[in-house]
Amino acid sequence: MMLTELRYFLALLEAESFGRAAKSLRLHVSTLSRAISRLEDKLGVSLVERGPSGIKITPAGRIAFRHVQQLVKDASALAETLARNGSGEYGKIRVGFYLLLLNKSLTTLLFEWHGTYPDVNVTPYEAGEDSLHMALRNNRLDVVLIPDFQMHNYEEGLPIYSEQLIGVLPNDHHLAKKPALNWSDFDGERILLSARETEGLYSKLLAIRIAGGDFLPLNASTLSTLPFVRAGYGIMIAAEPYAKMNFADLSFIPLAENDAYFNINMAWRPQNEDPVVGKFVAFMRDRTNRLRSRPQTYAPPENPDLPA
């Protein structure tokens, strides 16, 4: 049974005559009549009674009408969905991350994407870097947001934004009154490292910058470590978005150093042929093309946030 014949049947009932229906469909009356006859033969029933004054729907035709109407509607919806998915305008993007997603540039990008492609859902997935890498390789994630010092694990990547580093101290700490900190201020200090920071930030950046720091790795998230900072067990170096969370009795002080930042990159599998993923990557690339390309070293960013 052809979908075309079902559409002809609906058009015939709407026009109430073969002549008017054929005209609306731009067909010869004989062509339309043969198509309806074929449909009746396939269904094994008479759908309409033909007469000189027009057509009259049969009881079987009334039953068929309800089902055919829904079938044609569902077929049209399916075709539209497939077309939109094929063009990357409908579907889902699974985004993995392991750092706090409060950066202004990132939220602006996601807001603009949602406004441009409202039918593509973006679902977040938080995990450690090893878990993210495996999930991306196994196609459980479409893209991941990864610091530049972890990009050696990935084939394709695009710098999206930069995170400035800040010091996190109890309000009564002797450094808390300073308007800005230098790397040398951390010499001799007990520096608490969350599990996520130990995965790369320490070995790739902090240990090089703070030769005299007393680092204490913890098997805890950054948020879970902050109460211990407040209790006086040590201080932290964290990404700037944590300062926006307004933790009581803690001071968040910027680092006045040209190399106190790291890039966040979006990585994906180049083998992924999903058009939705392709459109998402292209959107992010086009939107961030004003961000000056930098080598993967720690040099001063002109602006840690993407220009608006």
Protein backbone atom coordinates (compact mmCIF):
# COMPACT_ATOMS: atom_id res chain seq x y z
CA MET A 1 0.00 0.00 0.00
CA MET A 2 1.42 3.34 -1.07
CA LEU A 3 1.26 6.41 1.13
CA THR A 4 0.38 8.39 -2.00
CA GLU A 5 -2.86 6.42 -2.40
CA LEU A 6 -3.79 7.17 1.21
CA ARG A 7 -3.24 10.87 0.62
CA TYR A 8 -5.40 10.69 -2.51
CA PHE A 9 -8.16 9.06 -0.45
CA LEU A 10 -8.11 11.90 2.09
CA ALA A 11 -8.11 14.51 -0.67
CA LEU A 12 -11.10 12.78 -2.32
CA LEU A 13 -13.14 12.84 0.88
CA GLU A 14 -12.32 16.49 1.44
CA ALA A 15 -13.28 17.50 -2.12
CA GLU A 16 -16.36 15.18 -2.20
CA SER A 17 -15.90 14.50 -5.91
CA PHE A 18 -13.31 12.99 -8.20
CA GLY A 19 -13.27 16.06 -10.41
CA ARG A 20 -12.54 18.56 -7.64
CA ALA A 21 -10.04 16.23 -5.96
CA ALA A 22 -8.19 15.58 -9.23
CA LYS A 23 -7.97 19.32 -9.86
CA SER A 24 -6.55 20.02 -6.39
CA LEU A 25 -4.03 17.21 -6.83
CA ARG A 26 -3.22 18.25 -10.42
CA LEU A 27 -4.12 14.81 -11.72
CA HIS A 28 -6.36 13.43 -14.43
CA VAL A 29 -9.65 12.13 -13.04
CA SER A 30 -8.90 8.71 -14.51
CA THR A 31 -5.52 8.58 -12.70
CA LEU A 32 -7.14 9.41 -9.36
CA SER A 33 -9.95 6.92 -9.93
CA ARG A 34 -7.51 4.11 -10.67
CA ALA A 35 -5.47 4.94 -7.55
CA ILE A 36 -8.58 4.75 -5.32
CA SER A 37 -9.60 1.48 -6.97
CA ARG A 38 -6.15 0.01 -6.27
CA LEU A 39 -6.47 1.08 -2.63
CA GLU A 40 -9.89 -0.55 -2.36
CA ASP A 41 -8.52 -3.74 -3.91
CA LYS A 42 -5.66 -3.86 -1.41
CA LEU A 43 -7.98 -3.29 1.54
CA GLY A 44 -10.64 -5.63 0.19
CA VAL A 45 -13.49 -3.16 0.81
CA SER A 46 -15.33 -0.39 -0.99
CA LEU A 47 -14.37 2.96 0.43
CA VAL A 48 -16.66 5.26 -1.57
CA GLU A 49 -19.77 4.91 -3.70
CA ARG A 50 -19.47 6.66 -7.04
CA GLY A 51 -22.46 8.53 -8.47
CA PRO A 52 -23.28 11.27 -10.99
CA SER A 53 -23.67 13.82 -8.20
CA GLY A 54 -20.36 12.93 -6.51
CA ILE A 55 -19.18 10.36 -4.02
CA LYS A 56 -20.60 8.94 -0.82
CA ILE A 57 -18.37 7.40 1.82
CA THR A 58 -19.19 3.85 2.84
CA PRO A 59 -19.22 2.54 6.45
CA ALA A 60 -15.88 0.86 5.75
CA GLY A 61 -14.65 4.15 4.32
CA ARG A 62 -15.51 5.96 7.57
CA ILE A 63 -13.49 3.46 9.58
CA ALA A 64 -10.62 3.71 7.12
CA PHE A 65 -10.74 7.51 7.19
CA ARG A 66 -9.92 7.71 10.91
CA HIS A 67 -6.96 5.35 10.59
CA VAL A 68 -5.67 6.78 7.32
CA GLN A 69 -5.83 10.33 8.68
CA GLN A 70 -3.67 9.37 11.67
CA LEU A 71 -1.34 7.27 9.53
CA VAL A 72 -0.69 10.11 7.09
CA LYS A 73 -0.17 12.54 9.99
CA ASP A 74 2.34 10.18 11.64
CA ALA A 75 4.16 9.63 8.34
CA SER A 76 4.48 13.38 7.81
CA ALA A 77 5.78 13.85 11.35
CA LEU A 78 8.29 11.04 10.83
CA ALA A 79 9.55 12.54 7.59
CA GLU A 80 9.93 15.94 9.22
CA THR A 81 11.75 14.49 12.22
CA LEU A 82 14.17 12.54 10.04
CA ALA A 83 14.80 15.57 7.86
CA ARG A 84 15.48 17.78 10.86
CA ASN A 85 17.71 15.18 12.45
CA GLY A 86 19.59 14.79 9.18
CA SER A 87 20.18 18.53 9.12
CA GLY A 88 21.30 18.58 12.77
CA GLU A 89 18.30 20.55 14.03
CA TYR A 90 16.68 17.85 16.14
CA GLY A 91 18.17 15.37 18.59
CA LYS A 92 20.42 15.29 21.64
CA ILE A 93 23.96 16.30 22.55
CA ARG A 94 25.58 14.52 25.51
CA VAL A 95 28.20 16.80 27.09
CA GLY A 96 30.72 15.50 29.61
CA PHE A 97 32.64 17.68 32.06
CA TYR A 98 34.43 17.52 35.39
CA LEU A 99 34.91 21.20 36.28
CA LEU A 100 32.22 23.55 37.53
CA LEU A 101 30.23 24.96 34.59
CA LEU A 102 29.72 28.52 35.78
CA ASN A 103 31.91 30.28 33.26
CA LYS A 104 30.14 33.24 31.62
CA SER A 105 31.40 32.38 28.15
CA LEU A 106 30.15 28.81 28.33
CA THR A 107 26.72 29.73 29.67
CA THR A 108 26.41 32.35 26.92
CA LEU A 109 27.29 29.77 24.26
CA LEU A 110 24.77 27.27 25.63
CA PHE A 111 22.09 29.97 25.81
CA GLU A 112 22.70 30.97 22.19
CA TRP A 113 22.71 27.33 21.05
CA HIS A 114 19.40 26.67 22.80
CA GLY A 115 17.87 29.76 21.22
CA THR A 116 19.09 28.75 17.75
CA TYR A 117 18.32 25.02 18.01
CA PRO A 118 15.57 24.64 20.63
CA ASP A 119 14.79 21.07 19.55
CA VAL A 120 18.29 19.80 20.30
CA ASN A 121 18.60 18.89 23.96
CA VAL A 122 21.97 19.30 25.68
CA THR A 123 22.34 16.84 28.54
CA PRO A 124 25.25 17.17 31.03
CA TYR A 125 27.31 14.31 32.42
CA GLU A 126 29.79 14.90 35.25
CA ALA A 127 32.65 12.50 35.93
CA GLY A 128 36.42 12.28 36.32
CA GLU A 129 38.67 12.70 33.31
CA ASP A 130 39.35 8.98 32.95
CA SER A 131 35.62 8.20 32.97
CA LEU A 132 34.92 10.98 30.47
CA HIS A 133 37.63 9.74 28.13
CA MET A 134 36.26 6.19 28.21
CA ALA A 135 32.66 7.38 27.77
CA LEU A 136 33.64 9.42 24.71
CA ARG A 137 35.57 6.50 23.20
CA ASN A 138 32.60 4.17 23.76
CA ASN A 139 30.16 6.69 22.22
CA ARG A 140 28.29 7.25 25.48
CA LEU A 141 29.18 10.94 25.20
CA ASP A 142 29.26 13.20 22.15
CA VAL A 143 31.62 15.93 23.37
CA VAL A 144 33.60 16.59 26.55
CA LEU A 145 34.92 19.80 28.09
CA ILE A 146 38.53 19.20 29.07
CA PRO A 147 41.42 21.42 30.30
CA ASP A 148 44.25 21.82 27.84
CA PHE A 149 46.63 19.81 30.02
CA GLN A 150 44.40 16.74 29.42
CA MET A 151 44.08 17.17 25.65
CA HIS A 152 46.85 14.66 24.88
CA ASN A 153 44.20 11.93 25.38
CA TYR A 154 41.98 13.21 22.56
CA GLU A 155 42.15 13.30 18.76
CA GLU A 156 40.10 16.44 18.08
CA GLY A 157 39.72 19.53 20.23
CA LEU A 158 38.69 23.15 20.12
CA PRO A 159 39.55 25.81 22.74
CA ILE A 160 36.27 27.25 24.03
CA TYR A 161 37.15 29.52 26.94
CA SER A 162 39.73 30.09 29.68
CA GLU A 163 39.50 29.73 33.44
CA GLN A 164 41.38 32.14 35.68
CA LEU A 165 42.84 30.70 38.88
CA ILE A 166 42.10 32.14 42.32
CA GLY A 167 43.25 31.50 45.86
CA VAL A 168 40.68 30.26 48.36
CA LEU A 169 41.45 31.03 51.99
CA PRO A 170 39.67 31.35 55.34
CA ASN A 171 38.78 34.94 56.13
CA ASP A 172 41.20 34.96 59.08
CA HIS A 173 44.16 33.70 57.03
CA HIS A 174 47.14 36.05 56.92
CA LEU A 175 46.89 36.24 53.10
CA ALA A 176 43.16 37.00 53.04
CA LYS A 177 43.68 40.77 53.28
CA LYS A 178 45.73 40.95 50.10
CA PRO A 179 43.92 42.28 47.00
CA ALA A 180 45.80 39.81 44.80
CA LEU A 181 48.15 36.88 45.22
CA ASN A 182 51.39 35.80 43.60
CA TRP A 183 52.76 32.31 43.20
CA SER A 184 55.40 33.04 45.83
CA ASP A 185 52.67 33.70 48.42
CA PHE A 186 51.88 29.99 48.45
CA ASP A 187 55.39 28.87 49.42
CA GLY A 188 55.25 27.10 52.76
CA GLU A 189 51.46 26.93 52.75
CA ARG A 190 49.42 23.72 53.11
CA ILE A 191 47.55 23.53 49.77
CA LEU A 192 44.61 21.14 49.59
CA LEU A 193 44.11 19.39 46.24
CA SER A 194 40.73 17.97 45.31
CA ALA A 195 40.62 14.69 43.38
CA ARG A 196 39.90 16.54 40.12
CA GLU A 197 42.85 18.87 40.59
CA THR A 198 45.20 16.00 41.36
CA GLU A 199 44.33 14.50 37.95
CA GLY A 200 46.20 17.22 36.09
CA LEU A 201 46.17 20.74 37.51
CA TYR A 202 48.75 19.89 40.17
CA SER A 203 51.26 18.02 38.03
CA LYS A 204 50.93 20.22 34.96
CA LEU A 205 50.72 23.66 36.55
CA LEU A 206 50.80 24.08 40.32
CA ALA A 207 53.82 21.93 41.11
CA ILE A 208 55.81 23.89 38.53
CA ARG A 209 54.66 27.32 39.73
CA ILE A 210 54.82 26.70 43.51
CA ALA A 211 58.09 24.96 44.32
CA GLY A 212 57.75 25.45 48.06
CA GLY A 213 54.10 24.46 48.51
CA ASP A 214 52.99 21.73 50.91
CA PHE A 215 50.46 19.91 48.70
CA LEU A 216 47.94 17.53 50.24
CA PRO A 217 45.92 15.46 47.72
CA LEU A 218 42.39 14.57 48.85
CA ASN A 219 39.96 12.02 47.52
CA ALA A 220 37.15 14.58 47.42
CA SER A 221 35.58 17.08 45.04
CA THR A 222 36.41 20.77 45.13
CA LEU A 223 33.04 21.58 46.70
CA SER A 224 33.58 18.95 49.39
CA THR A 225 37.06 20.32 50.10
CA LEU A 226 35.94 23.92 50.69
CA PRO A 227 34.57 23.27 54.22
CA PHE A 228 38.02 21.99 55.20
CA VAL A 229 39.54 25.21 53.90
CA ARG A 230 37.07 27.16 56.01
CA ALA A 231 37.99 25.02 59.04
CA GLY A 232 41.67 25.94 58.65
CA TYR A 233 43.13 22.66 57.34
CA GLY A 234 44.75 24.43 54.41
CA ILE A 235 44.09 26.71 51.45
CA MET A 236 43.16 25.99 47.84
CA ILE A 237 43.80 27.15 44.32
CA ALA A 238 40.65 26.81 42.24
CA ALA A 239 39.00 28.04 39.07
CA GLU A 240 37.41 31.49 39.29
CA PRO A 241 33.74 30.33 38.99
CA TYR A 242 33.88 28.98 42.55
CA ALA A 243 34.09 32.57 43.77
CA LYS A 244 30.56 33.12 42.45
CA MET A 245 29.08 30.64 44.91
CA ASN A 246 29.48 32.98 47.92
CA PHE A 247 30.72 30.54 50.54
CA ALA A 248 30.58 32.07 54.01
CA ASP A 249 33.85 32.77 55.86
CA LEU A 250 35.98 32.21 52.75
CA SER A 251 37.97 34.73 50.75
CA PHE A 252 38.41 34.28 46.99
CA ILE A 253 41.44 36.26 45.83
CA PRO A 254 42.66 36.55 42.20
CA LEU A 255 46.19 35.60 41.21
CA ALA A 256 48.12 38.51 39.75
CA GLU A 257 50.20 36.27 37.51
CA ASN A 258 50.28 36.12 33.73
CA ASP A 259 50.24 32.31 33.74
CA ALA A 260 47.46 31.76 36.30
CA TYR A 261 44.90 30.34 33.91
CA PHE A 262 44.17 27.30 31.76
CA ASN A 263 42.10 26.73 28.62
CA ILE A 264 38.99 24.59 28.47
CA ASN A 265 38.72 22.64 25.23
CA MET A 266 35.79 20.83 23.67
CA ALA A 267 36.86 17.39 22.45
CA TRP A 268 34.94 14.93 20.30
CA ARG A 269 35.40 11.75 18.28
CA PRO A 270 36.23 12.59 14.65
CA GLN A 271 34.55 9.30 13.65
CA ASN A 272 31.20 10.53 14.96
CA GLU A 273 28.99 11.12 11.91
CA ASP A 274 25.90 12.29 13.81
CA PRO A 275 24.79 15.50 12.02
CA VAL A 276 23.60 16.96 15.33
CA VAL A 277 27.10 16.61 16.79
CA GLY A 278 28.61 18.07 13.63
CA LYS A 279 26.35 21.10 13.83
CA PHE A 280 27.12 21.57 17.54
CA VAL A 281 30.86 21.48 16.91
CA ALA A 282 30.55 23.87 13.95
CA PHE A 283 28.42 26.25 16.03
CA MET A 284 30.98 26.30 18.84
CA ARG A 285 33.85 26.76 16.39
CA ASP A 286 32.13 29.63 14.57
CA ARG A 287 31.13 31.32 17.80
CA THR A 288 34.61 31.14 19.30
CA ASN A 289 36.60 32.05 16.19
CA ARG A 290 37.26 35.48 17.66
CA LEU A 291 39.14 33.90 20.53
CA ARG A 292 42.77 34.29 19.59
CA SER A 293 44.48 30.97 18.90
CA ARG A 294 47.12 30.31 21.56
CA PRO A 295 49.73 27.56 21.88
CA GLN A 296 49.06 25.04 24.65
CA THR A 297 51.34 26.79 27.12
CA TYR A 298 50.50 29.03 29.99
CA ALA A 299 50.68 32.57 28.66
CA PRO A 300 48.55 35.56 29.69
CA PRO A 301 45.09 35.52 28.10
CA GLU A 302 43.97 38.85 26.71
CA ASN A 303 40.52 38.08 28.07
CA PRO A 304 39.66 34.92 29.99
CA ASP A 305 36.07 35.21 28.79
CA LEU A 306 34.98 34.99 25.19
CA PRO A 307 34.02 38.39 23.76
CA ALA A 308 30.28 38.92 23.68
